[in-house]
Amino acid sequence: MQLLEYIGETKVAKEVLQSYQHVVHDFLDKPITRKGLSTATLMHDYFLYDSHNLNCWYTFAKEMKPSLESSMRNLTLSMNENMENDVYIVSMEDCENE
């Protein structure tokens, strides 16, 4: 996405971001089992927890879903309006475990 933005392919960069957001949303919400459990729910149920990461998958899904859905709506609106909006990508890294 950053390369596409750099070379001026803003529309393609937004399409790539939209595709990525849909994959993450499916991970959080799309039922994949007969019982209707999502991948995030399965990760929550079978992840090895300790006192430092208790319920990390549940918390991740709960906190991520509203902001992801809001971002998906905003991106769709900006793509439909044919306006030149900037796309900002923020990434974070846990330095503690390096």
Protein backbone atom coordinates (compact mmCIF):
# COMPACT_ATOMS: atom_id res chain seq x y z
CA MET A 1 0.00 0.00 0.00
CA GLN A 2 2.77 2.40 0.82
CA LEU A 3 4.41 1.79 -2.55
CA LEU A 4 1.12 2.31 -4.34
CA GLU A 5 0.59 5.58 -2.47
CA TYR A 6 4.14 6.66 -3.28
CA ILE A 7 3.71 6.10 -7.03
CA GLY A 8 0.35 7.89 -7.02
CA GLU A 9 -1.96 4.87 -7.24
CA THR A 10 -4.23 6.07 -4.44
CA LYS A 11 -7.33 4.27 -5.69
CA VAL A 12 -5.52 0.93 -5.92
CA ALA A 13 -4.04 1.46 -2.44
CA LYS A 14 -7.53 2.02 -1.07
CA GLU A 15 -8.76 -1.14 -2.77
CA VAL A 16 -5.91 -3.12 -1.19
CA LEU A 17 -6.75 -1.65 2.23
CA GLN A 18 -10.42 -2.47 1.73
CA SER A 19 -9.56 -6.07 0.85
CA TYR A 20 -7.35 -6.39 3.94
CA GLN A 21 -10.07 -4.94 6.17
CA HIS A 22 -12.60 -7.47 4.87
CA VAL A 23 -10.21 -10.34 5.64
CA VAL A 24 -9.69 -9.09 9.20
CA HIS A 25 -13.44 -8.56 9.63
CA ASP A 26 -14.09 -12.13 8.46
CA PHE A 27 -11.48 -13.35 10.97
CA LEU A 28 -13.35 -11.55 13.75
CA ASP A 29 -16.93 -12.21 12.73
CA LYS A 30 -17.51 -14.78 9.97
CA PRO A 31 -18.80 -18.14 11.26
CA ILE A 32 -16.60 -21.03 10.13
CA THR A 33 -17.88 -23.90 12.28
CA ARG A 34 -21.20 -25.71 12.46
CA LYS A 35 -21.83 -23.95 15.75
CA GLY A 36 -21.28 -20.55 14.12
CA LEU A 37 -17.95 -19.74 15.76
CA SER A 38 -15.56 -17.31 14.12
CA THR A 39 -11.82 -17.82 13.79
CA ALA A 40 -11.18 -15.27 16.56
CA THR A 41 -13.56 -17.15 18.86
CA LEU A 42 -11.77 -20.43 18.13
CA MET A 43 -8.43 -18.77 18.85
CA HIS A 44 -9.88 -17.51 22.14
CA ASP A 45 -11.15 -20.97 23.08
CA TYR A 46 -7.93 -22.86 22.30
CA PHE A 47 -5.18 -20.31 23.00
CA LEU A 48 -2.74 -21.09 25.81
CA TYR A 49 -3.24 -18.30 28.36
CA ASP A 50 -1.23 -17.14 31.32
CA SER A 51 -1.66 -14.20 33.70
CA HIS A 52 -0.15 -11.75 31.17
CA ASN A 53 -2.37 -12.50 28.18
CA LEU A 54 -5.66 -13.59 29.75
CA ASN A 55 -8.50 -13.33 27.21
CA CYS A 56 -6.30 -11.58 24.64
CA TRP A 57 -8.23 -12.89 21.60
CA TYR A 58 -11.60 -12.03 23.13
CA THR A 59 -10.40 -8.53 24.03
CA PHE A 60 -8.79 -8.07 20.62
CA ALA A 61 -12.00 -9.00 18.79
CA LYS A 62 -14.19 -6.91 21.10
CA GLU A 63 -12.04 -3.78 20.74
CA MET A 64 -11.14 -4.19 17.08
CA LYS A 65 -14.55 -4.88 15.56
CA PRO A 66 -16.19 -1.43 16.09
CA SER A 67 -13.17 0.54 14.90
CA LEU A 68 -12.67 -1.78 11.92
CA GLU A 69 -16.31 -1.45 10.86
CA SER A 70 -16.11 2.33 11.18
CA SER A 71 -12.95 2.42 9.09
CA MET A 72 -14.53 0.17 6.46
CA ARG A 73 -17.57 2.50 6.21
CA ASN A 74 -15.38 5.59 5.91
CA LEU A 75 -13.18 4.00 3.26
CA THR A 76 -16.19 2.88 1.24
CA LEU A 77 -17.70 6.37 1.41
CA SER A 78 -14.45 8.01 0.34
CA MET A 79 -14.05 5.59 -2.57
CA ASN A 80 -17.63 6.22 -3.74
CA GLU A 81 -17.26 9.99 -3.63
CA ASN A 82 -14.24 9.93 -5.98
CA MET A 83 -12.46 12.37 -3.71
CA GLU A 84 -8.75 12.48 -3.16
CA ASN A 85 -8.37 11.54 0.52
CA ASP A 86 -5.14 10.56 2.15
CA VAL A 87 -4.77 7.08 3.60
CA TYR A 88 -2.69 6.89 6.76
CA ILE A 89 -1.23 3.60 7.96
CA VAL A 90 -0.16 3.23 11.57
CA SER A 91 1.76 0.18 12.68
CA MET A 92 2.96 -0.75 16.13
CA GLU A 93 5.50 -3.20 17.39
CA ASP A 94 6.00 -4.72 20.80
CA CYS A 95 9.61 -3.89 21.71
CA GLU A 96 9.39 -5.72 25.01
CA ASN A 97 9.61 -9.20 23.47
CA GLU A 98 12.54 -8.60 21.12
